[in-house]
Structure formats: C-alpha cells, structure tokens
Amino acid sequence: MEGKSPQKRRPSWWRQGDHVMVAWAEPCNGPGWANSPVLVLVFNATARDTRRVEYLQPEDQTPEMHILYGVSHAASAAMTNAVRKHLL
C-alpha cells in the first residue's frame, strides 16, 4: 500500500515488554568460517531474566545496520580495550 511503511519483521527471540538497551557489531571467525552478527542487549522489566544478549544475523540486519557495522565494531573494540586497560 502506498504511503505505509513496511511491516517490521521481529526476530523469534523478541518478547513483549522488550526494550533495546544497546546494540553493537561483533564480528567473529574461525578456520573456514566468518560471521558478522549484531549483538543486542535487551532489557525486559516484566521477565525474570531482565537483561540478556541476543543476536541479529547478517540476513536479519537492515541496510542501515550493514552501513553502520564497521563504525560500530571500531567504536566497540576501542571502548572494550579502554575498559580492559582500566580494569586490568
């Protein structure tokens, strides 16, 4: 329909009452494989497990997420290293 935005496709892990606290790019790889998930820290005040980390696989990411992936990973890696230096 003209003028309507497309229906949002929520992942199977999304629950009623979920809120995204933060999301960041976290590439991973091993011998013969690589993956580029976006990790999502989810808060749900109505559930017993109030905070959890979930994953958005590349095929579930929007074009905007793909564009921001490299920047997110660089910022996350820099912050992680700064925190490690501070705590260790």
C-alpha atoms as a PDB file:
ATOM      1  CA  MET A   1       0.000   0.000   0.000  1.00  0.00           C
ATOM      2  CA  GLU A   2       1.248   3.410  -0.902  1.00  0.00           C
ATOM      3  CA  GLY A   3       2.233   5.675   1.963  1.00  0.00           C
ATOM      4  CA  LYS A   4       2.569   2.885   4.548  1.00  0.00           C
ATOM      5  CA  SER A   5       5.894   1.763   5.920  1.00  0.00           C
ATOM      6  CA  PRO A   6       6.735  -1.940   5.558  1.00  0.00           C
ATOM      7  CA  GLN A   7       5.802  -4.332   8.364  1.00  0.00           C
ATOM      8  CA  LYS A   8       8.651  -4.757  10.868  1.00  0.00           C
ATOM      9  CA  ARG A   9       9.944  -8.303  10.981  1.00  0.00           C
ATOM     10  CA  ARG A  10      10.846  -9.036  14.585  1.00  0.00           C
ATOM     11  CA  PRO A  11      13.165 -11.936  15.429  1.00  0.00           C
ATOM     12  CA  SER A  12      11.788 -15.007  17.170  1.00  0.00           C
ATOM     13  CA  TRP A  13      13.573 -14.092  20.410  1.00  0.00           C
ATOM     14  CA  TRP A  14      11.732 -10.727  20.713  1.00  0.00           C
ATOM     15  CA  ARG A  15       9.276 -10.782  23.644  1.00  0.00           C
ATOM     16  CA  GLN A  16       6.507  -8.473  24.742  1.00  0.00           C
ATOM     17  CA  GLY A  17       7.991  -5.805  27.000  1.00  0.00           C
ATOM     18  CA  ASP A  18      11.487  -5.965  25.439  1.00  0.00           C
ATOM     19  CA  HIS A  19      13.500  -2.773  25.034  1.00  0.00           C
ATOM     20  CA  VAL A  20      16.852  -2.428  23.271  1.00  0.00           C
ATOM     21  CA  MET A  21      19.455  -1.022  25.677  1.00  0.00           C
ATOM     22  CA  VAL A  22      22.391  -1.072  23.255  1.00  0.00           C
ATOM     23  CA  ALA A  23      23.482  -2.865  20.094  1.00  0.00           C
ATOM     24  CA  TRP A  24      26.977  -3.341  18.692  1.00  0.00           C
ATOM     25  CA  ALA A  25      28.810  -5.104  15.897  1.00  0.00           C
ATOM     26  CA  GLU A  26      30.863  -8.136  16.934  1.00  0.00           C
ATOM     27  CA  PRO A  27      32.469  -9.985  14.020  1.00  0.00           C
ATOM     28  CA  CYS A  28      33.758 -13.476  14.721  1.00  0.00           C
ATOM     29  CA  ASN A  29      35.574 -16.137  12.717  1.00  0.00           C
ATOM     30  CA  GLY A  30      37.345 -19.433  12.825  1.00  0.00           C
ATOM     31  CA  PRO A  31      39.054 -21.782  10.390  1.00  0.00           C
ATOM     32  CA  GLY A  32      36.972 -21.636   7.214  1.00  0.00           C
ATOM     33  CA  TRP A  33      34.094 -19.522   8.527  1.00  0.00           C
ATOM     34  CA  ALA A  34      33.208 -15.944   9.450  1.00  0.00           C
ATOM     35  CA  ASN A  35      30.097 -14.213  10.771  1.00  0.00           C
ATOM     36  CA  SER A  36      29.041 -10.596  11.258  1.00  0.00           C
ATOM     37  CA  PRO A  37      26.282 -10.554  13.890  1.00  0.00           C
ATOM     38  CA  VAL A  38      24.943  -7.522  15.685  1.00  0.00           C
ATOM     39  CA  LEU A  39      24.676  -8.201  19.412  1.00  0.00           C
ATOM     40  CA  VAL A  40      21.683  -6.685  21.163  1.00  0.00           C
ATOM     41  CA  LEU A  41      21.469  -6.096  24.914  1.00  0.00           C
ATOM     42  CA  VAL A  42      17.770  -6.405  25.704  1.00  0.00           C
ATOM     43  CA  PHE A  43      16.009  -5.247  28.879  1.00  0.00           C
ATOM     44  CA  ASN A  44      12.642  -6.589  29.942  1.00  0.00           C
ATOM     45  CA  ALA A  45      11.259  -5.416  33.283  1.00  0.00           C
ATOM     46  CA  THR A  46       8.360  -7.873  33.093  1.00  0.00           C
ATOM     47  CA  ALA A  47      10.506 -11.005  32.685  1.00  0.00           C
ATOM     48  CA  ARG A  48      12.603 -12.797  35.284  1.00  0.00           C
ATOM     49  CA  ASP A  49      15.677 -12.606  33.073  1.00  0.00           C
ATOM     50  CA  THR A  50      15.615  -8.839  32.899  1.00  0.00           C
ATOM     51  CA  ARG A  51      18.774  -8.435  30.784  1.00  0.00           C
ATOM     52  CA  ARG A  52      20.023 -10.725  28.042  1.00  0.00           C
ATOM     53  CA  VAL A  53      22.177 -10.593  24.921  1.00  0.00           C
ATOM     54  CA  GLU A  54      20.612 -11.654  21.630  1.00  0.00           C
ATOM     55  CA  TYR A  55      21.988 -11.785  18.083  1.00  0.00           C
ATOM     56  CA  LEU A  56      20.873 -10.368  14.744  1.00  0.00           C
ATOM     57  CA  GLN A  57      22.450 -12.409  11.973  1.00  0.00           C
ATOM     58  CA  PRO A  58      23.518 -10.597   8.767  1.00  0.00           C
ATOM     59  CA  GLU A  59      20.425 -11.768   6.864  1.00  0.00           C
ATOM     60  CA  ASP A  60      18.217 -10.211   9.574  1.00  0.00           C
ATOM     61  CA  GLN A  61      20.006  -6.850   9.582  1.00  0.00           C
ATOM     62  CA  THR A  62      18.686  -3.769   7.798  1.00  0.00           C
ATOM     63  CA  PRO A  63      20.679  -1.854   5.163  1.00  0.00           C
ATOM     64  CA  GLU A  64      21.290   0.833   7.817  1.00  0.00           C
ATOM     65  CA  MET A  65      22.821  -1.761  10.175  1.00  0.00           C
ATOM     66  CA  HIS A  66      25.121  -3.018   7.397  1.00  0.00           C
ATOM     67  CA  ILE A  67      26.311   0.543   6.714  1.00  0.00           C
ATOM     68  CA  LEU A  68      26.997   1.213  10.417  1.00  0.00           C
ATOM     69  CA  TYR A  69      28.621  -2.185  11.073  1.00  0.00           C
ATOM     70  CA  GLY A  70      32.259  -1.128  10.618  1.00  0.00           C
ATOM     71  CA  VAL A  71      31.892   2.047  12.672  1.00  0.00           C
ATOM     72  CA  SER A  72      30.114   0.164  15.456  1.00  0.00           C
ATOM     73  CA  HIS A  73      32.801  -2.516  15.579  1.00  0.00           C
ATOM     74  CA  ALA A  74      35.628   0.055  15.668  1.00  0.00           C
ATOM     75  CA  ALA A  75      33.987   2.031  18.491  1.00  0.00           C
ATOM     76  CA  SER A  76      33.108  -1.105  20.468  1.00  0.00           C
ATOM     77  CA  ALA A  77      36.628  -2.528  20.139  1.00  0.00           C
ATOM     78  CA  ALA A  78      38.186   0.778  21.237  1.00  0.00           C
ATOM     79  CA  MET A  79      35.843   1.044  24.258  1.00  0.00           C
ATOM     80  CA  THR A  80      36.487  -2.595  25.218  1.00  0.00           C
ATOM     81  CA  ASN A  81      40.250  -2.031  25.096  1.00  0.00           C
ATOM     82  CA  ALA A  82      39.965   1.164  27.180  1.00  0.00           C
ATOM     83  CA  VAL A  83      37.899  -0.656  29.826  1.00  0.00           C
ATOM     84  CA  ARG A  84      40.335  -3.602  29.879  1.00  0.00           C
ATOM     85  CA  LYS A  85      43.281  -1.236  30.424  1.00  0.00           C
ATOM     86  CA  HIS A  86      41.407   0.453  33.242  1.00  0.00           C
ATOM     87  CA  LEU A  87      40.347  -2.759  34.993  1.00  0.00           C
ATOM     88  CA  LEU A  88      43.379  -4.994  34.494  1.00  0.00           C
END
